[in-house]
């Protein structure tokens, strides 16, 4: 019984100490080892990888200016929650990117989404992500067209887009 009481007093003391440190106003964030600064980052060499860039060039030819093309569009730029009372895990699902989205030139509403499916899309985690993305676009009647990584011609792209 005494050992149990000592144990719980120790645990309570530990918790109180941690809470006090957390709320202490004189906490110096500059000495925090996990501080995030601009020095923790580097500039990306490009918005798109080589494969995406090759596709982008052919896509521009294929659509001939009919739409505005935006690469690397976050789902959160297209969809928004009905209420902001959702949990973070749910909202984090909108933090995924779509390789390309074609927008109406006049209204800037999304008309067609395009994903380039590489090797990473065969993994289980990516499969679950793709299921969610497919369902979102399907719900709002926006075609989501998937292309396998490879050689792209503007004619092939144009033919596939013409189906929608």
N, C-alpha and C. Protein backbone atom coordinates (compact mmCIF):
# COMPACT_ATOMS: atom_id res chain seq x y z
N UNK A 1 0.83 -1.19 0.00
CA UNK A 1 0.00 0.00 0.00
C UNK A 1 0.88 1.26 0.00
N UNK A 2 1.90 1.29 0.82
CA UNK A 2 2.79 2.45 0.91
C UNK A 2 3.55 2.61 -0.41
N UNK A 3 3.96 1.49 -0.99
CA UNK A 3 4.69 1.55 -2.26
C UNK A 3 3.77 2.13 -3.35
N UNK A 4 2.54 1.72 -3.33
CA UNK A 4 1.57 2.21 -4.30
C UNK A 4 1.34 3.71 -4.10
N UNK A 5 1.22 4.15 -2.87
CA UNK A 5 1.02 5.57 -2.58
C UNK A 5 2.23 6.39 -3.03
N UNK A 6 3.43 5.90 -2.74
CA UNK A 6 4.67 6.59 -3.15
C UNK A 6 4.72 6.69 -4.68
N UNK A 7 4.37 5.61 -5.33
CA UNK A 7 4.37 5.58 -6.79
C UNK A 7 3.44 6.65 -7.35
N UNK A 8 2.21 6.74 -6.83
CA UNK A 8 1.24 7.71 -7.33
C UNK A 8 1.64 9.15 -6.99
N UNK A 9 2.25 9.37 -5.86
CA UNK A 9 2.74 10.71 -5.50
C UNK A 9 3.86 11.10 -6.47
N UNK A 10 4.74 10.16 -6.79
CA UNK A 10 5.81 10.40 -7.74
C UNK A 10 5.25 10.77 -9.12
N UNK A 11 4.28 10.01 -9.59
CA UNK A 11 3.66 10.26 -10.90
C UNK A 11 2.96 11.62 -10.91
N UNK A 12 2.22 11.93 -9.86
CA UNK A 12 1.53 13.22 -9.77
C UNK A 12 2.53 14.37 -9.77
N UNK A 13 3.61 14.22 -9.03
CA UNK A 13 4.66 15.24 -8.98
C UNK A 13 5.28 15.43 -10.37
N UNK A 14 5.52 14.36 -11.05
CA UNK A 14 6.08 14.42 -12.40
C UNK A 14 5.14 15.17 -13.34
N UNK A 15 3.87 14.88 -13.27
CA UNK A 15 2.89 15.53 -14.12
C UNK A 15 2.82 17.02 -13.81
N UNK A 16 2.77 17.36 -12.54
CA UNK A 16 2.70 18.78 -12.14
C UNK A 16 3.94 19.53 -12.63
N UNK A 17 5.09 18.92 -12.51
CA UNK A 17 6.33 19.55 -12.97
C UNK A 17 6.28 19.81 -14.48
N UNK A 18 5.83 18.83 -15.24
CA UNK A 18 5.74 18.99 -16.70
C UNK A 18 4.75 20.09 -17.06
N UNK A 19 3.61 20.13 -16.40
CA UNK A 19 2.60 21.14 -16.67
C UNK A 19 3.14 22.53 -16.34
N UNK A 20 3.83 22.66 -15.23
CA UNK A 20 4.40 23.97 -14.85
C UNK A 20 5.41 24.44 -15.89
N UNK A 21 6.26 23.54 -16.34
CA UNK A 21 7.25 23.91 -17.36
C UNK A 21 6.56 24.35 -18.65
N UNK A 22 5.50 23.67 -18.99
CA UNK A 22 4.78 23.99 -20.22
C UNK A 22 4.17 25.39 -20.16
N UNK A 23 3.60 25.74 -19.02
CA UNK A 23 2.91 27.02 -18.89
C UNK A 23 3.80 28.14 -18.37
N UNK A 24 5.01 27.86 -18.05
CA UNK A 24 5.91 28.88 -17.53
C UNK A 24 6.16 29.96 -18.58
N UNK A 25 5.91 31.18 -18.23
CA UNK A 25 6.04 32.28 -19.18
C UNK A 25 7.47 32.52 -19.61
N UNK A 26 8.41 32.21 -18.77
CA UNK A 26 9.79 32.49 -19.11
C UNK A 26 10.43 31.39 -19.96
N UNK A 27 9.59 30.48 -20.50
CA UNK A 27 10.12 29.44 -21.37
C UNK A 27 10.78 30.09 -22.58
N UNK A 28 12.00 29.76 -22.83
CA UNK A 28 12.75 30.38 -23.90
C UNK A 28 12.70 29.48 -25.14
N UNK A 29 11.88 29.87 -26.12
CA UNK A 29 11.72 29.05 -27.32
C UNK A 29 12.98 29.03 -28.18
N UNK A 30 13.82 30.02 -28.04
CA UNK A 30 15.04 30.06 -28.84
C UNK A 30 15.99 28.92 -28.49
N UNK A 31 15.88 28.40 -27.29
CA UNK A 31 16.76 27.30 -26.88
C UNK A 31 16.14 25.94 -27.19
N UNK A 32 14.95 25.94 -27.75
CA UNK A 32 14.27 24.69 -28.08
C UNK A 32 14.97 24.04 -29.27
N UNK A 33 15.41 22.80 -29.09
CA UNK A 33 16.12 22.10 -30.16
C UNK A 33 15.24 21.85 -31.37
N UNK A 34 13.94 21.77 -31.18
CA UNK A 34 13.03 21.45 -32.27
C UNK A 34 12.46 22.70 -32.94
N UNK A 35 13.07 23.84 -32.71
CA UNK A 35 12.55 25.07 -33.28
C UNK A 35 12.65 25.00 -34.80
N UNK A 36 11.59 25.40 -35.46
CA UNK A 36 11.56 25.41 -36.91
C UNK A 36 11.92 26.80 -37.39
N UNK A 37 12.95 26.88 -38.20
CA UNK A 37 13.41 28.15 -38.75
C UNK A 37 13.58 27.98 -40.27
N UNK A 38 13.76 29.07 -40.98
CA UNK A 38 14.02 28.94 -42.42
C UNK A 38 15.26 28.09 -42.74
N UNK A 39 16.16 27.96 -41.78
CA UNK A 39 17.35 27.15 -42.00
C UNK A 39 17.05 25.66 -42.09
N UNK A 40 15.83 25.25 -41.71
CA UNK A 40 15.43 23.85 -41.78
C UNK A 40 14.92 23.45 -43.18
N UNK A 41 14.97 24.36 -44.13
CA UNK A 41 14.38 24.12 -45.44
C UNK A 41 15.36 24.43 -46.55
N UNK A 42 15.02 23.91 -47.74
CA UNK A 42 15.75 24.27 -48.95
C UNK A 42 14.73 24.53 -50.05
N UNK A 43 15.14 25.22 -51.07
CA UNK A 43 14.28 25.54 -52.18
C UNK A 43 14.12 24.32 -53.07
N UNK A 44 12.88 24.01 -53.44
CA UNK A 44 12.65 22.91 -54.39
C UNK A 44 13.20 23.34 -55.74
N UNK A 45 13.79 22.41 -56.48
CA UNK A 45 14.32 22.79 -57.79
C UNK A 45 13.21 23.10 -58.80
N UNK A 46 12.01 22.51 -58.59
CA UNK A 46 10.90 22.73 -59.51
C UNK A 46 9.59 22.37 -58.82
N UNK A 47 8.50 22.95 -59.29
CA UNK A 47 7.19 22.62 -58.76
C UNK A 47 6.81 21.19 -59.11
N UNK A 48 7.31 20.71 -60.27
CA UNK A 48 6.96 19.38 -60.75
C UNK A 48 8.22 18.53 -60.93
N UNK A 49 8.04 17.21 -60.81
CA UNK A 49 9.16 16.33 -61.14
C UNK A 49 9.27 16.23 -62.66
N UNK A 50 10.30 15.54 -63.15
CA UNK A 50 10.53 15.47 -64.59
C UNK A 50 9.36 14.86 -65.35
N UNK A 51 8.81 13.79 -64.82
CA UNK A 51 7.69 13.12 -65.47
C UNK A 51 6.47 14.04 -65.56
N UNK A 52 6.18 14.74 -64.47
CA UNK A 52 5.06 15.67 -64.45
C UNK A 52 5.28 16.82 -65.44
N UNK A 53 6.52 17.28 -65.52
CA UNK A 53 6.82 18.38 -66.44
C UNK A 53 6.64 17.95 -67.89
N UNK A 54 7.09 16.75 -68.24
CA UNK A 54 6.89 16.23 -69.59
C UNK A 54 5.40 16.12 -69.92
N UNK A 55 4.62 15.61 -68.96
CA UNK A 55 3.17 15.50 -69.15
C UNK A 55 2.56 16.88 -69.31
N UNK A 56 2.98 17.83 -68.51
CA UNK A 56 2.45 19.20 -68.54
C UNK A 56 2.62 19.82 -69.92
N UNK A 57 3.79 19.64 -70.50
CA UNK A 57 4.05 20.21 -71.83
C UNK A 57 3.10 19.60 -72.87
N UNK A 58 2.88 18.30 -72.80
CA UNK A 58 1.96 17.64 -73.73
C UNK A 58 0.51 18.01 -73.44
N UNK A 59 0.17 18.19 -72.18
CA UNK A 59 -1.18 18.58 -71.79
C UNK A 59 -1.52 19.96 -72.34
N UNK A 60 -0.58 20.89 -72.29
CA UNK A 60 -0.82 22.23 -72.83
C UNK A 60 -1.14 22.17 -74.32
N UNK A 61 -0.43 21.31 -75.04
CA UNK A 61 -0.70 21.15 -76.47
C UNK A 61 -2.07 20.51 -76.67
N UNK A 62 -2.38 19.50 -75.86
CA UNK A 62 -3.63 18.74 -76.02
C UNK A 62 -4.87 19.60 -75.80
N UNK A 63 -4.85 20.48 -74.81
CA UNK A 63 -6.08 21.25 -74.52
C UNK A 63 -6.14 22.56 -75.30
N UNK A 64 -5.01 22.97 -75.87
CA UNK A 64 -5.01 24.13 -76.75
C UNK A 64 -5.59 25.39 -76.16
N UNK A 65 -5.45 25.62 -74.89
CA UNK A 65 -5.93 26.86 -74.28
C UNK A 65 -7.39 26.84 -73.87
N UNK A 66 -8.05 25.68 -73.95
CA UNK A 66 -9.47 25.60 -73.58
C UNK A 66 -9.69 25.78 -72.09
N UNK A 67 -8.70 25.43 -71.29
CA UNK A 67 -8.79 25.52 -69.82
C UNK A 67 -7.52 26.17 -69.29
N UNK A 68 -7.61 26.66 -68.07
CA UNK A 68 -6.41 27.03 -67.32
C UNK A 68 -5.91 25.77 -66.62
N UNK A 69 -4.62 25.53 -66.69
CA UNK A 69 -4.03 24.34 -66.08
C UNK A 69 -3.27 24.77 -64.83
N UNK A 70 -3.58 24.11 -63.72
CA UNK A 70 -2.84 24.35 -62.49
C UNK A 70 -2.22 23.03 -62.02
N UNK A 71 -0.92 23.01 -61.82
CA UNK A 71 -0.28 21.78 -61.30
C UNK A 71 -0.24 21.80 -59.77
N UNK A 72 -0.16 20.62 -59.19
CA UNK A 72 0.04 20.44 -57.76
C UNK A 72 -1.00 21.20 -56.93
N UNK A 73 -2.27 20.94 -57.18
CA UNK A 73 -3.37 21.63 -56.50
C UNK A 73 -3.78 20.84 -55.25
N UNK A 74 -3.80 21.50 -54.11
CA UNK A 74 -4.26 20.86 -52.87
C UNK A 74 -5.77 20.65 -52.93
N UNK A 75 -6.21 19.53 -52.39
CA UNK A 75 -7.65 19.27 -52.34
C UNK A 75 -8.38 20.39 -51.60
N UNK A 76 -7.72 20.97 -50.60
CA UNK A 76 -8.31 22.05 -49.82
C UNK A 76 -8.56 23.31 -50.64
N UNK A 77 -7.93 23.43 -51.82
CA UNK A 77 -8.19 24.56 -52.71
C UNK A 77 -9.43 24.30 -53.56
N UNK A 78 -9.86 23.04 -53.62
CA UNK A 78 -11.02 22.67 -54.42
C UNK A 78 -12.24 22.40 -53.55
N UNK A 79 -12.03 21.70 -52.45
CA UNK A 79 -13.12 21.30 -51.57
C UNK A 79 -12.95 21.97 -50.21
N UNK A 80 -14.08 22.21 -49.54
CA UNK A 80 -14.01 22.75 -48.19
C UNK A 80 -15.02 22.01 -47.33
N UNK A 81 -14.72 21.89 -46.05
CA UNK A 81 -15.65 21.18 -45.16
C UNK A 81 -16.95 21.96 -44.97
N UNK A 82 -18.02 21.24 -44.70
CA UNK A 82 -19.30 21.90 -44.43
C UNK A 82 -19.24 22.71 -43.15
N UNK A 83 -18.48 22.20 -42.18
CA UNK A 83 -18.27 22.96 -40.94
C UNK A 83 -16.83 22.76 -40.54
N UNK A 84 -16.33 23.68 -39.75
CA UNK A 84 -14.94 23.59 -39.33
C UNK A 84 -14.80 22.94 -37.96
N UNK A 85 -15.77 22.13 -37.60
CA UNK A 85 -15.74 21.44 -36.32
C UNK A 85 -15.21 20.02 -36.46
N UNK A 86 -14.67 19.70 -37.63
CA UNK A 86 -14.14 18.37 -37.87
C UNK A 86 -12.82 18.20 -37.13
N UNK A 87 -12.44 16.95 -36.94
CA UNK A 87 -11.15 16.73 -36.29
C UNK A 87 -10.02 16.92 -37.30
N UNK A 88 -8.80 17.08 -36.80
CA UNK A 88 -7.65 17.37 -37.65
C UNK A 88 -7.35 16.24 -38.63
N UNK A 89 -7.57 15.01 -38.23
CA UNK A 89 -7.31 13.88 -39.12
C UNK A 89 -8.19 13.97 -40.35
N UNK A 90 -9.43 14.38 -40.16
CA UNK A 90 -10.35 14.53 -41.27
C UNK A 90 -9.94 15.68 -42.17
N UNK A 91 -9.61 16.81 -41.57
CA UNK A 91 -9.19 17.97 -42.35
C UNK A 91 -7.87 17.72 -43.06
N UNK A 92 -7.01 16.90 -42.47
CA UNK A 92 -5.71 16.62 -43.06
C UNK A 92 -5.86 15.89 -44.40
N UNK A 93 -6.97 15.20 -44.60
CA UNK A 93 -7.20 14.52 -45.87
C UNK A 93 -7.25 15.51 -47.03
N UNK A 94 -7.62 16.75 -46.76
CA UNK A 94 -7.66 17.77 -47.80
C UNK A 94 -6.28 18.37 -48.08
N UNK A 95 -5.28 17.90 -47.38
CA UNK A 95 -3.92 18.40 -47.56
C UNK A 95 -3.16 17.61 -48.62
N UNK A 96 -3.85 16.82 -49.39
CA UNK A 96 -3.23 16.05 -50.46
C UNK A 96 -3.28 16.86 -51.75
N UNK A 97 -2.36 16.54 -52.66
CA UNK A 97 -2.28 17.28 -53.91
C UNK A 97 -2.73 16.42 -55.09
N UNK A 98 -3.33 17.09 -56.07
CA UNK A 98 -3.68 16.49 -57.35
C UNK A 98 -2.65 16.99 -58.35
N UNK A 99 -2.18 16.11 -59.21
CA UNK A 99 -1.10 16.50 -60.13
C UNK A 99 -1.48 17.68 -61.01
N UNK A 100 -2.66 17.63 -61.64
CA UNK A 100 -3.11 18.73 -62.50
C UNK A 100 -4.62 18.87 -62.37
N UNK A 101 -5.07 20.13 -62.40
CA UNK A 101 -6.51 20.39 -62.44
C UNK A 101 -6.74 21.39 -63.56
N UNK A 102 -7.73 21.07 -64.41
CA UNK A 102 -8.12 21.98 -65.48
C UNK A 102 -9.31 22.79 -64.97
N UNK A 103 -9.17 24.11 -65.03
CA UNK A 103 -10.20 25.02 -64.54
C UNK A 103 -10.83 25.78 -65.69
N UNK A 104 -12.10 26.08 -65.56
CA UNK A 104 -12.80 26.92 -66.53
C UNK A 104 -12.11 28.29 -66.55
N UNK A 105 -11.86 28.79 -67.75
CA UNK A 105 -11.18 30.09 -67.86
C UNK A 105 -12.01 31.23 -67.29
N UNK A 106 -13.33 31.15 -67.43
CA UNK A 106 -14.20 32.26 -67.00
C UNK A 106 -14.49 32.24 -65.51
N UNK A 107 -14.76 31.07 -64.96
CA UNK A 107 -15.21 31.00 -63.57
C UNK A 107 -14.17 30.45 -62.60
N UNK A 108 -13.10 29.88 -63.14
CA UNK A 108 -12.07 29.23 -62.32
C UNK A 108 -12.64 28.09 -61.48
N UNK A 109 -13.69 27.45 -61.96
CA UNK A 109 -14.21 26.25 -61.29
C UNK A 109 -13.50 25.03 -61.87
N UNK A 110 -13.25 24.04 -61.04
CA UNK A 110 -12.55 22.86 -61.54
C UNK A 110 -13.44 22.05 -62.48
N UNK A 111 -12.87 21.64 -63.61
CA UNK A 111 -13.62 20.88 -64.61
C UNK A 111 -13.12 19.45 -64.76
N UNK A 112 -11.80 19.26 -64.73
CA UNK A 112 -11.20 17.93 -64.87
C UNK A 112 -9.95 17.88 -64.00
N UNK A 113 -9.80 16.78 -63.28
CA UNK A 113 -8.60 16.56 -62.48
C UNK A 113 -7.80 15.43 -63.12
N UNK A 114 -6.49 15.53 -63.02
CA UNK A 114 -5.61 14.52 -63.64
C UNK A 114 -4.57 14.07 -62.62
N UNK A 115 -4.44 12.76 -62.51
CA UNK A 115 -3.42 12.16 -61.64
C UNK A 115 -2.49 11.30 -62.49
N UNK A 116 -1.21 11.41 -62.26
CA UNK A 116 -0.23 10.54 -62.88
C UNK A 116 0.10 9.46 -61.87
N UNK A 117 -0.25 8.24 -62.19
CA UNK A 117 -0.05 7.12 -61.26
C UNK A 117 1.27 6.44 -61.53
N UNK A 118 2.20 6.67 -60.62
CA UNK A 118 3.50 6.01 -60.71
C UNK A 118 3.54 4.79 -59.82
N UNK A 119 4.73 4.32 -59.53
CA UNK A 119 4.92 3.13 -58.71
C UNK A 119 4.36 3.31 -57.30
N UNK A 120 4.39 4.53 -56.79
CA UNK A 120 3.92 4.76 -55.42
C UNK A 120 2.43 4.47 -55.27
N UNK A 121 1.68 4.51 -56.35
CA UNK A 121 0.24 4.30 -56.26
C UNK A 121 -0.14 2.83 -56.07
N UNK A 122 0.84 1.95 -56.10
CA UNK A 122 0.54 0.53 -55.88
C UNK A 122 0.66 0.14 -54.41
N UNK A 123 1.10 1.06 -53.56
CA UNK A 123 1.23 0.78 -52.13
C UNK A 123 -0.13 0.93 -51.45
N UNK A 124 -0.33 0.19 -50.35
CA UNK A 124 -1.62 0.19 -49.66
C UNK A 124 -2.01 1.59 -49.19
N UNK A 125 -1.06 2.32 -48.63
CA UNK A 125 -1.35 3.67 -48.14
C UNK A 125 -1.83 4.57 -49.28
N UNK A 126 -1.18 4.45 -50.42
CA UNK A 126 -1.58 5.24 -51.59
C UNK A 126 -2.93 4.78 -52.13
N UNK A 127 -3.19 3.49 -52.03
CA UNK A 127 -4.48 2.95 -52.48
C UNK A 127 -5.62 3.58 -51.68
N UNK A 128 -5.45 3.69 -50.36
CA UNK A 128 -6.48 4.31 -49.50
C UNK A 128 -6.63 5.79 -49.84
N UNK A 129 -5.51 6.47 -50.09
CA UNK A 129 -5.55 7.88 -50.47
C UNK A 129 -6.31 8.02 -51.78
N UNK A 130 -5.99 7.17 -52.76
CA UNK A 130 -6.63 7.24 -54.07
C UNK A 130 -8.14 6.97 -53.96
N UNK A 131 -8.53 6.07 -53.09
CA UNK A 131 -9.96 5.80 -52.87
C UNK A 131 -10.68 7.07 -52.40
N UNK A 132 -10.08 7.74 -51.43
CA UNK A 132 -10.67 8.98 -50.90
C UNK A 132 -10.75 10.04 -51.99
N UNK A 133 -9.66 10.23 -52.73
CA UNK A 133 -9.62 11.25 -53.78
C UNK A 133 -10.67 10.94 -54.85
N UNK A 134 -10.74 9.69 -55.26
CA UNK A 134 -11.75 9.28 -56.26
C UNK A 134 -13.15 9.62 -55.79
N UNK A 135 -13.44 9.30 -54.53
CA UNK A 135 -14.78 9.53 -53.98
C UNK A 135 -15.11 11.03 -53.92
N UNK A 136 -14.14 11.85 -53.58
CA UNK A 136 -14.37 13.30 -53.51
C UNK A 136 -14.74 13.85 -54.88
N UNK A 137 -13.96 13.51 -55.89
CA UNK A 137 -14.24 14.03 -57.22
C UNK A 137 -15.54 13.47 -57.78
N UNK A 138 -15.81 12.21 -57.50
CA UNK A 138 -17.04 11.59 -57.97
C UNK A 138 -18.26 12.27 -57.34
N UNK A 139 -18.19 12.58 -56.05
CA UNK A 139 -19.31 13.21 -55.35
C UNK A 139 -19.70 14.54 -56.01
N UNK A 140 -18.70 15.27 -56.50
CA UNK A 140 -18.96 16.59 -57.08
C UNK A 140 -18.95 16.57 -58.61
N UNK A 141 -19.04 15.36 -59.19
CA UNK A 141 -19.13 15.18 -60.64
C UNK A 141 -18.01 15.86 -61.42
N UNK A 142 -16.81 15.78 -60.88
CA UNK A 142 -15.63 16.29 -61.58
C UNK A 142 -14.84 15.06 -62.03
N UNK A 143 -14.68 14.87 -63.33
CA UNK A 143 -13.92 13.71 -63.79
C UNK A 143 -12.49 13.73 -63.26
N UNK A 144 -12.06 12.59 -62.77
CA UNK A 144 -10.67 12.40 -62.34
C UNK A 144 -10.07 11.38 -63.28
N UNK A 145 -9.17 11.84 -64.12
CA UNK A 145 -8.56 10.97 -65.13
C UNK A 145 -7.17 10.58 -64.66
N UNK A 146 -6.92 9.28 -64.71
CA UNK A 146 -5.63 8.75 -64.28
C UNK A 146 -4.82 8.30 -65.49
N UNK A 147 -3.57 8.71 -65.49
CA UNK A 147 -2.62 8.28 -66.51
C UNK A 147 -1.52 7.50 -65.82
N UNK A 148 -1.07 6.42 -66.43
CA UNK A 148 0.09 5.70 -65.91
C UNK A 148 1.34 6.46 -66.32
N UNK A 149 2.34 6.44 -65.44
CA UNK A 149 3.61 7.07 -65.78
C UNK A 149 4.15 6.45 -67.05
N UNK A 150 4.69 7.27 -67.89
CA UNK A 150 5.26 6.76 -69.13
C UNK A 150 5.40 7.85 -70.15
N UNK A 151 5.47 7.45 -71.40
CA UNK A 151 5.57 8.42 -72.49
C UNK A 151 4.18 8.93 -72.82
N UNK A 152 4.08 10.25 -72.94
CA UNK A 152 2.79 10.85 -73.21
C UNK A 152 2.87 11.63 -74.52
N UNK A 153 1.86 11.48 -75.32
CA UNK A 153 1.77 12.33 -76.50
C UNK A 153 0.53 13.20 -76.32
N UNK A 154 0.58 14.37 -76.92
CA UNK A 154 -0.56 15.27 -76.80
C UNK A 154 -1.81 14.64 -77.41
N UNK A 155 -1.64 13.83 -78.45
CA UNK A 155 -2.79 13.14 -79.07
C UNK A 155 -3.43 12.15 -78.11
N UNK A 156 -2.60 11.35 -77.42
CA UNK A 156 -3.13 10.38 -76.45
C UNK A 156 -3.90 11.09 -75.34
N UNK A 157 -3.33 12.18 -74.86
CA UNK A 157 -3.96 12.95 -73.78
C UNK A 157 -5.28 13.54 -74.28
N UNK A 158 -5.25 14.13 -75.46
CA UNK A 158 -6.44 14.74 -76.04
C UNK A 158 -7.55 13.70 -76.22
N UNK A 159 -7.20 12.52 -76.70
CA UNK A 159 -8.19 11.45 -76.89
C UNK A 159 -8.81 11.03 -75.57
N UNK A 160 -8.00 10.90 -74.54
CA UNK A 160 -8.53 10.48 -73.24
C UNK A 160 -9.40 11.58 -72.63
N UNK A 161 -8.99 12.83 -72.79
CA UNK A 161 -9.78 13.94 -72.25
C UNK A 161 -11.10 14.12 -73.00
N UNK A 162 -11.12 13.79 -74.27
CA UNK A 162 -12.33 13.98 -75.08
C UNK A 162 -13.47 13.07 -74.63
N UNK A 163 -13.15 12.04 -73.86
CA UNK A 163 -14.18 11.14 -73.35
C UNK A 163 -15.01 11.82 -72.26
N UNK A 164 -14.53 12.96 -71.77
CA UNK A 164 -15.22 13.63 -70.66
C UNK A 164 -15.71 14.95 -71.11
